[in-house]
C-alpha atoms as a PDB file:
ATOM      1  CA  MET A   1       2.729 -12.071 -19.490  1.00  0.00           C
ATOM      2  CA  PRO A   2       2.995 -12.067 -15.703  1.00  0.00           C
ATOM      3  CA  ASP A   3      -0.187 -12.410 -13.693  1.00  0.00           C
ATOM      4  CA  ILE A   4      -0.581  -9.200 -11.653  1.00  0.00           C
ATOM      5  CA  LYS A   5      -3.384  -8.537  -9.198  1.00  0.00           C
ATOM      6  CA  VAL A   6      -4.116  -5.262  -7.410  1.00  0.00           C
ATOM      7  CA  ILE A   7      -5.533  -4.857  -3.901  1.00  0.00           C
ATOM      8  CA  ILE A   8      -7.175  -1.521  -3.034  1.00  0.00           C
ATOM      9  CA  PRO A   9      -8.375  -0.994   0.566  1.00  0.00           C
ATOM     10  CA  ALA A  10     -11.232   1.501   0.445  1.00  0.00           C
ATOM     11  CA  MET A  11     -13.356   3.267   3.023  1.00  0.00           C
ATOM     12  CA  ASN A  12     -15.664   5.994   1.717  1.00  0.00           C
ATOM     13  CA  GLU A  13     -13.757   6.510  -1.516  1.00  0.00           C
ATOM     14  CA  GLY A  14     -16.873   6.783  -3.678  1.00  0.00           C
ATOM     15  CA  ASP A  15     -15.694   9.993  -5.347  1.00  0.00           C
ATOM     16  CA  SER A  16     -12.308   8.594  -6.347  1.00  0.00           C
ATOM     17  CA  ILE A  17     -12.395   4.813  -6.681  1.00  0.00           C
ATOM     18  CA  ALA A  18     -13.652   4.711 -10.276  1.00  0.00           C
ATOM     19  CA  SER A  19     -10.834   7.027 -11.388  1.00  0.00           C
ATOM     20  CA  VAL A  20      -8.245   4.850  -9.657  1.00  0.00           C
ATOM     21  CA  ILE A  21      -9.577   1.726 -11.354  1.00  0.00           C
ATOM     22  CA  ALA A  22      -9.805   3.391 -14.774  1.00  0.00           C
ATOM     23  CA  ASP A  23      -6.143   4.462 -14.684  1.00  0.00           C
ATOM     24  CA  ILE A  24      -4.708   1.054 -13.754  1.00  0.00           C
ATOM     25  CA  PRO A  25      -2.780  -0.395 -16.728  1.00  0.00           C
ATOM     26  CA  LYS A  26      -4.313  -3.261 -18.695  1.00  0.00           C
ATOM     27  CA  ILE A  27      -1.456  -5.602 -17.721  1.00  0.00           C
ATOM     28  CA  VAL A  28      -3.353  -6.251 -14.474  1.00  0.00           C
ATOM     29  CA  SER A  29      -5.503  -9.379 -14.491  1.00  0.00           C
ATOM     30  CA  GLU A  30      -7.772  -8.459 -11.578  1.00  0.00           C
ATOM     31  CA  ILE A  31      -8.469  -5.386  -9.479  1.00  0.00           C
ATOM     32  CA  ILE A  32      -9.697  -6.218  -5.976  1.00  0.00           C
ATOM     33  CA  VAL A  33     -11.363  -3.447  -3.997  1.00  0.00           C
ATOM     34  CA  VAL A  34     -11.873  -4.254  -0.329  1.00  0.00           C
ATOM     35  CA  ASN A  35     -14.734  -2.223   1.077  1.00  0.00           C
ATOM     36  CA  ASN A  36     -13.808  -1.440   4.679  1.00  0.00           C
ATOM     37  CA  GLY A  37     -16.984  -0.060   6.220  1.00  0.00           C
ATOM     38  CA  SER A  38     -17.949   2.483   3.578  1.00  0.00           C
ATOM     39  CA  THR A  39     -21.190   4.399   4.019  1.00  0.00           C
ATOM     40  CA  ASP A  40     -21.102   6.053   0.605  1.00  0.00           C
ATOM     41  CA  ASP A  41     -21.240   4.643  -2.941  1.00  0.00           C
ATOM     42  CA  THR A  42     -17.749   3.122  -2.933  1.00  0.00           C
ATOM     43  CA  VAL A  43     -19.065  -0.401  -3.579  1.00  0.00           C
ATOM     44  CA  GLU A  44     -21.382   0.568  -6.421  1.00  0.00           C
ATOM     45  CA  ASN A  45     -18.798   2.731  -8.158  1.00  0.00           C
ATOM     46  CA  ALA A  46     -16.077   0.094  -7.856  1.00  0.00           C
ATOM     47  CA  GLN A  47     -18.349  -2.595  -9.286  1.00  0.00           C
ATOM     48  CA  LYS A  48     -19.409  -0.377 -12.188  1.00  0.00           C
ATOM     49  CA  ALA A  49     -15.739   0.302 -12.930  1.00  0.00           C
ATOM     50  CA  GLY A  50     -15.097  -3.437 -13.287  1.00  0.00           C
ATOM     51  CA  ALA A  51     -13.431  -4.339  -9.987  1.00  0.00           C
ATOM     52  CA  THR A  52     -14.002  -7.385  -7.834  1.00  0.00           C
ATOM     53  CA  VAL A  53     -15.451  -6.027  -4.576  1.00  0.00           C
ATOM     54  CA  LEU A  54     -14.983  -7.725  -1.229  1.00  0.00           C
ATOM     55  CA  THR A  55     -16.274  -6.585   2.160  1.00  0.00           C
ATOM     56  CA  GLU A  56     -14.300  -6.451   5.400  1.00  0.00           C
ATOM     57  CA  ASP A  57     -16.448  -5.117   8.223  1.00  0.00           C
ATOM     58  CA  ARG A  58     -13.641  -4.933  10.766  1.00  0.00           C
ATOM     59  CA  PRO A  59     -12.155  -1.444  10.467  1.00  0.00           C
ATOM     60  CA  GLY A  60      -8.468  -1.246   9.695  1.00  0.00           C
ATOM     61  CA  TYR A  61      -6.155  -0.869   6.712  1.00  0.00           C
ATOM     62  CA  GLY A  62      -4.413  -4.121   7.553  1.00  0.00           C
ATOM     63  CA  TYR A  63      -7.690  -5.993   7.901  1.00  0.00           C
ATOM     64  CA  ALA A  64      -8.657  -4.839   4.396  1.00  0.00           C
ATOM     65  CA  CYS A  65      -5.324  -5.879   2.886  1.00  0.00           C
ATOM     66  CA  LEU A  66      -5.470  -9.277   4.599  1.00  0.00           C
ATOM     67  CA  LYS A  67      -8.991  -9.791   3.230  1.00  0.00           C
ATOM     68  CA  GLY A  68      -7.703  -9.232  -0.284  1.00  0.00           C
ATOM     69  CA  MET A  69      -4.813 -11.620   0.286  1.00  0.00           C
ATOM     70  CA  ASP A  70      -7.140 -14.303   1.655  1.00  0.00           C
ATOM     71  CA  TYR A  71      -9.278 -13.994  -1.474  1.00  0.00           C
ATOM     72  CA  ILE A  72      -6.217 -14.482  -3.696  1.00  0.00           C
ATOM     73  CA  ASP A  73      -5.028 -17.427  -1.579  1.00  0.00           C
ATOM     74  CA  LYS A  74      -8.237 -19.295  -2.344  1.00  0.00           C
ATOM     75  CA  GLN A  75      -7.955 -18.930  -6.107  1.00  0.00           C
ATOM     76  CA  SER A  76      -6.886 -21.938  -8.152  1.00  0.00           C
ATOM     77  CA  LYS A  77      -3.901 -20.137  -9.693  1.00  0.00           C
ATOM     78  CA  ALA A  78      -1.572 -17.875  -7.720  1.00  0.00           C
ATOM     79  CA  PRO A  79      -0.511 -14.566  -9.306  1.00  0.00           C
ATOM     80  CA  ASP A  80       3.102 -13.606  -9.896  1.00  0.00           C
ATOM     81  CA  ILE A  81       2.852 -10.123  -8.407  1.00  0.00           C
ATOM     82  CA  VAL A  82       0.505  -8.290  -6.026  1.00  0.00           C
ATOM     83  CA  VAL A  83       0.291  -4.503  -6.094  1.00  0.00           C
ATOM     84  CA  PHE A  84      -1.160  -2.417  -3.279  1.00  0.00           C
ATOM     85  CA  ILE A  85      -2.464   1.084  -3.958  1.00  0.00           C
ATOM     86  CA  ASP A  86      -4.815   3.409  -2.079  1.00  0.00           C
ATOM     87  CA  GLY A  87      -8.285   4.265  -3.326  1.00  0.00           C
ATOM     88  CA  ASP A  88      -8.086   8.029  -2.781  1.00  0.00           C
ATOM     89  CA  TYR A  89      -6.471   8.857  -6.168  1.00  0.00           C
ATOM     90  CA  SER A  90      -3.413  10.459  -4.557  1.00  0.00           C
ATOM     91  CA  ASP A  91      -1.137   8.078  -6.440  1.00  0.00           C
ATOM     92  CA  TYR A  92      -0.937   7.871 -10.213  1.00  0.00           C
ATOM     93  CA  PRO A  93      -2.142   4.327 -11.034  1.00  0.00           C
ATOM     94  CA  GLU A  94      -0.792   4.627 -14.574  1.00  0.00           C
ATOM     95  CA  GLU A  95       2.698   4.500 -13.060  1.00  0.00           C
ATOM     96  CA  MET A  96       2.109   0.885 -12.052  1.00  0.00           C
ATOM     97  CA  ASP A  97       4.189  -0.270 -15.023  1.00  0.00           C
ATOM     98  CA  LYS A  98       7.137   1.609 -13.514  1.00  0.00           C
ATOM     99  CA  VAL A  99       6.560   0.158 -10.043  1.00  0.00           C
ATOM    100  CA  VAL A 100       6.473  -3.474 -11.194  1.00  0.00           C
ATOM    101  CA  ALA A 101       9.316  -3.084 -13.721  1.00  0.00           C
ATOM    102  CA  PRO A 102      12.161  -3.894 -11.257  1.00  0.00           C
ATOM    103  CA  ILE A 103      10.436  -7.181 -10.402  1.00  0.00           C
ATOM    104  CA  LEU A 104       9.997  -8.133 -14.044  1.00  0.00           C
ATOM    105  CA  GLU A 105      13.317  -6.874 -15.362  1.00  0.00           C
ATOM    106  CA  LYS A 106      15.734  -7.234 -12.433  1.00  0.00           C
ATOM    107  CA  ASP A 107      14.139 -10.001 -10.345  1.00  0.00           C
ATOM    108  CA  VAL A 108      13.694  -7.654  -7.370  1.00  0.00           C
ATOM    109  CA  ASP A 109      11.335  -9.024  -4.706  1.00  0.00           C
ATOM    110  CA  PHE A 110       9.738  -5.842  -3.394  1.00  0.00           C
ATOM    111  CA  VAL A 111       9.255  -2.307  -4.728  1.00  0.00           C
ATOM    112  CA  VAL A 112       8.045   0.813  -2.925  1.00  0.00           C
ATOM    113  CA  GLY A 113       6.733   3.764  -4.885  1.00  0.00           C
ATOM    114  CA  ALA A 114       8.624   6.546  -3.110  1.00  0.00           C
ATOM    115  CA  ARG A 115       6.845   9.915  -2.955  1.00  0.00           C
ATOM    116  CA  LYS A 116       9.837  12.130  -3.664  1.00  0.00           C
ATOM    117  CA  LYS A 117       9.438  15.761  -2.647  1.00  0.00           C
ATOM    118  CA  SER A 118      10.223  16.989  -6.157  1.00  0.00           C
ATOM    119  CA  LEU A 119       7.390  14.861  -7.552  1.00  0.00           C
ATOM    120  CA  ARG A 120       4.777  15.680  -4.898  1.00  0.00           C
ATOM    121  CA  GLU A 121       2.044  18.215  -5.422  1.00  0.00           C
ATOM    122  CA  PRO A 122       2.315  20.922  -2.725  1.00  0.00           C
ATOM    123  CA  GLY A 123       0.074  20.023   0.200  1.00  0.00           C
ATOM    124  CA  SER A 124      -0.379  16.412  -0.891  1.00  0.00           C
ATOM    125  CA  MET A 125       1.304  15.196   2.299  1.00  0.00           C
ATOM    126  CA  THR A 126       0.569  16.765   5.657  1.00  0.00           C
ATOM    127  CA  PRO A 127       3.453  17.940   7.874  1.00  0.00           C
ATOM    128  CA  GLN A 128       2.798  15.028  10.227  1.00  0.00           C
ATOM    129  CA  GLN A 129       3.005  12.577   7.315  1.00  0.00           C
ATOM    130  CA  VAL A 130       6.319  14.026   6.173  1.00  0.00           C
ATOM    131  CA  PHE A 131       7.727  13.982   9.697  1.00  0.00           C
ATOM    132  CA  GLY A 132       6.462  10.457  10.364  1.00  0.00           C
ATOM    133  CA  ASN A 133       8.035   9.140   7.177  1.00  0.00           C
ATOM    134  CA  GLN A 134      11.345  10.824   7.917  1.00  0.00           C
ATOM    135  CA  LEU A 135      11.436   9.512  11.486  1.00  0.00           C
ATOM    136  CA  ALA A 136      10.436   5.961  10.566  1.00  0.00           C
ATOM    137  CA  THR A 137      12.895   5.646   7.696  1.00  0.00           C
ATOM    138  CA  PHE A 138      15.666   7.233   9.781  1.00  0.00           C
ATOM    139  CA  LEU A 139      15.118   4.618  12.486  1.00  0.00           C
ATOM    140  CA  MET A 140      15.110   1.833   9.906  1.00  0.00           C
ATOM    141  CA  ARG A 141      18.431   3.092   8.573  1.00  0.00           C
ATOM    142  CA  LEU A 142      19.794   3.372  12.109  1.00  0.00           C
ATOM    143  CA  PHE A 143      18.698  -0.051  13.354  1.00  0.00           C
ATOM    144  CA  PHE A 144      18.671  -2.138  10.183  1.00  0.00           C
ATOM    145  CA  GLY A 145      20.852  -0.343   7.638  1.00  0.00           C
ATOM    146  CA  ALA A 146      17.810   0.107   5.410  1.00  0.00           C
ATOM    147  CA  LYS A 147      17.753   2.287   2.319  1.00  0.00           C
ATOM    148  CA  PHE A 148      14.063   3.136   2.479  1.00  0.00           C
ATOM    149  CA  THR A 149      13.067   6.809   2.297  1.00  0.00           C
ATOM    150  CA  ASP A 150       9.285   6.370   2.359  1.00  0.00           C
ATOM    151  CA  LEU A 151       6.454   4.219   3.701  1.00  0.00           C
ATOM    152  CA  GLY A 152       4.408   4.842   0.561  1.00  0.00           C
ATOM    153  CA  PRO A 153       1.269   2.728   0.133  1.00  0.00           C
ATOM    154  CA  PHE A 154       1.883   2.233  -3.625  1.00  0.00           C
ATOM    155  CA  ARG A 155       3.972  -0.942  -3.664  1.00  0.00           C
ATOM    156  CA  ALA A 156       4.484  -4.215  -5.504  1.00  0.00           C
ATOM    157  CA  ILE A 157       5.785  -7.559  -4.314  1.00  0.00           C
ATOM    158  CA  LYS A 158       6.223 -11.059  -5.687  1.00  0.00           C
ATOM    159  CA  TYR A 159       3.293 -13.084  -4.448  1.00  0.00           C
ATOM    160  CA  GLU A 160       5.473 -15.905  -3.114  1.00  0.00           C
ATOM    161  CA  LYS A 161       7.493 -13.368  -1.113  1.00  0.00           C
ATOM    162  CA  LEU A 162       4.350 -11.729   0.232  1.00  0.00           C
ATOM    163  CA  LYS A 163       3.266 -15.108   1.584  1.00  0.00           C
ATOM    164  CA  GLU A 164       6.644 -15.556   3.262  1.00  0.00           C
ATOM    165  CA  LEU A 165       6.183 -12.323   5.204  1.00  0.00           C
ATOM    166  CA  GLU A 166       3.201 -13.742   7.128  1.00  0.00           C
ATOM    167  CA  MET A 167       1.663 -10.298   7.488  1.00  0.00           C
ATOM    168  CA  GLU A 168      -0.323  -9.734  10.660  1.00  0.00           C
ATOM    169  CA  ASP A 169      -0.881  -6.027  11.413  1.00  0.00           C
ATOM    170  CA  LYS A 170      -4.569  -5.169  11.240  1.00  0.00           C
ATOM    171  CA  THR A 171      -4.497  -1.379  11.241  1.00  0.00           C
ATOM    172  CA  TYR A 172      -1.984   1.437  10.771  1.00  0.00           C
ATOM    173  CA  GLY A 173       1.245  -0.546  10.948  1.00  0.00           C
ATOM    174  CA  TRP A 174       0.742  -2.566   7.770  1.00  0.00           C
ATOM    175  CA  THR A 175       3.205  -0.706   5.527  1.00  0.00           C
ATOM    176  CA  VAL A 176       6.060  -0.528   8.020  1.00  0.00           C
ATOM    177  CA  GLU A 177       5.553  -4.162   9.047  1.00  0.00           C
ATOM    178  CA  MET A 178       5.970  -5.216   5.429  1.00  0.00           C
ATOM    179  CA  GLN A 179       9.172  -3.224   5.019  1.00  0.00           C
ATOM    180  CA  LEU A 180      10.657  -4.456   8.284  1.00  0.00           C
ATOM    181  CA  LYS A 181       9.955  -8.072   7.380  1.00  0.00           C
ATOM    182  CA  VAL A 182      11.479  -7.575   3.933  1.00  0.00           C
ATOM    183  CA  LEU A 183      14.621  -6.334   5.708  1.00  0.00           C
ATOM    184  CA  ARG A 184      14.603  -9.148   8.239  1.00  0.00           C
ATOM    185  CA  LYS A 185      14.275 -11.791   5.534  1.00  0.00           C
ATOM    186  CA  LYS A 186      16.936 -10.079   3.396  1.00  0.00           C
ATOM    187  CA  MET A 187      14.704  -9.833   0.362  1.00  0.00           C
ATOM    188  CA  ALA A 188      15.860  -7.774  -2.607  1.00  0.00           C
ATOM    189  CA  TYR A 189      14.098  -4.407  -2.604  1.00  0.00           C
ATOM    190  CA  ILE A 190      14.225  -1.048  -4.319  1.00  0.00           C
ATOM    191  CA  GLU A 191      12.386   2.266  -4.330  1.00  0.00           C
ATOM    192  CA  VAL A 192      10.995   3.820  -7.503  1.00  0.00           C
ATOM    193  CA  PRO A 193      10.199   7.563  -7.476  1.00  0.00           C
ATOM    194  CA  VAL A 194       6.503   8.196  -8.141  1.00  0.00           C
ATOM    195  CA  ARG A 195       4.336  11.272  -8.410  1.00  0.00           C
ATOM    196  CA  TYR A 196       1.861  12.126  -5.689  1.00  0.00           C
ATOM    197  CA  LYS A 197      -1.080  14.533  -5.603  1.00  0.00           C
ATOM    198  CA  ARG A 198      -3.706  15.813  -3.206  1.00  0.00           C
ATOM    199  CA  ARG A 199      -6.113  13.038  -2.350  1.00  0.00           C
ATOM    200  CA  ILE A 200      -9.848  13.216  -2.992  1.00  0.00           C
ATOM    201  CA  GLY A 201     -11.683  13.438   0.332  1.00  0.00           C
ATOM    202  CA  ILE A 202     -10.315  13.421   3.867  1.00  0.00           C
ATOM    203  CA  SER A 203      -7.650  10.979   5.016  1.00  0.00           C
ATOM    204  CA  LYS A 204      -8.732   8.518   7.693  1.00  0.00           C
ATOM    205  CA  VAL A 205      -5.212   8.606   9.133  1.00  0.00           C
ATOM    206  CA  SER A 206      -3.448  11.943   8.646  1.00  0.00           C
ATOM    207  CA  GLY A 207      -6.765  13.792   8.370  1.00  0.00           C
ATOM    208  CA  THR A 208      -7.630  13.199  12.027  1.00  0.00           C
ATOM    209  CA  VAL A 209      -5.742  13.692  15.293  1.00  0.00           C
ATOM    210  CA  LYS A 210      -6.703  10.204  16.477  1.00  0.00           C
ATOM    211  CA  GLY A 211      -5.561   8.608  13.212  1.00  0.00           C
ATOM    212  CA  THR A 212      -2.245  10.443  13.271  1.00  0.00           C
ATOM    213  CA  ILE A 213      -1.491   9.467  16.873  1.00  0.00           C
ATOM    214  CA  PHE A 214      -2.428   5.809  16.452  1.00  0.00           C
ATOM    215  CA  ALA A 215      -0.509   5.527  13.181  1.00  0.00           C
ATOM    216  CA  GLY A 216       2.575   6.973  14.863  1.00  0.00           C
ATOM    217  CA  ILE A 217       2.312   4.575  17.791  1.00  0.00           C
ATOM    218  CA  LYS A 218       1.872   1.591  15.484  1.00  0.00           C
ATOM    219  CA  ILE A 219       4.794   2.504  13.231  1.00  0.00           C
ATOM    220  CA  LEU A 220       7.203   3.161  16.066  1.00  0.00           C
ATOM    221  CA  GLY A 221       5.981   0.062  17.882  1.00  0.00           C
ATOM    222  CA  TRP A 222       6.842  -2.186  14.950  1.00  0.00           C
ATOM    223  CA  ILE A 223      10.281  -0.605  14.532  1.00  0.00           C
ATOM    224  CA  PHE A 224      11.242  -0.941  18.195  1.00  0.00           C
ATOM    225  CA  LYS A 225       9.795  -4.460  18.335  1.00  0.00           C
ATOM    226  CA  TYR A 226      12.120  -5.574  15.545  1.00  0.00           C
ATOM    227  CA  SER A 227      15.098  -3.584  16.785  1.00  0.00           C
ATOM    228  CA  ILE A 228      15.258  -5.587  20.036  1.00  0.00           C
ATOM    229  CA  LYS A 229      14.864  -9.029  18.431  1.00  0.00           C
END
C-alpha cells in the first residue's frame, strides 16, 4: 500500500475539523492538522479525532502548509503521496480515493480536485471565488497552455514532486504557485471532478473584503511573475 499523508491547514475550524478527519479514508497513514492561530477548540477537536496537531503562529495558508511539509521532511521515512484538503468540510474527504487514483493507477504527478459547477451545492462558492477561478485559469491557459479549470484546495501530489516545486508562498498564493510550478516543470497533471458544499463557518478569504482583495492580488501576481520569465 502507498504511504499517504494528509495536511489540513486550520484556523478556527472547531465546528468542522472532526467531521473532516472522520471522513478521510483509512488508506491514509497520518492526518496532520496545522493549527494556524485558532482561538476556538480546533486543536482539541482535531486531537480527539486522532490527528497529529502542529502549531504555526504566523498567519497564512502557505505558512500552515509549509509547516506540515517541514514536519514530514523530518520523518525517517518519506511518504509516497501528500494530500492537501481544507478543514471547513466544504470538500468531501471520502472522495480522496478518487483524487489519488490517477497517481496510483496512471503515474500522474499532480491531481487537482476540480469543483465542477454541476457538482457544487448552490452558494458553496461566492461570486468572487467563481470569477477569480475563471480569470486565473483563463490566464494560465493563455500564457502557459494549461488545462486547469480550478484552483481547488483539495489536491494530491507525489511527495518527491512536491519537494521539487520548492514551494515558497506564505499566504493566499499557495494553490496557484503550486499549479504554475507544475506547469513550468512539465509535470504530468490531471483534474478530477469532485463535489463541493457550503463550508461550515465563515471563510477567511472569500468571506471578507480584505481576504478577497489580497487573494486576488497574490494569484494574479504569481501568474504575471511566471508569464514574464
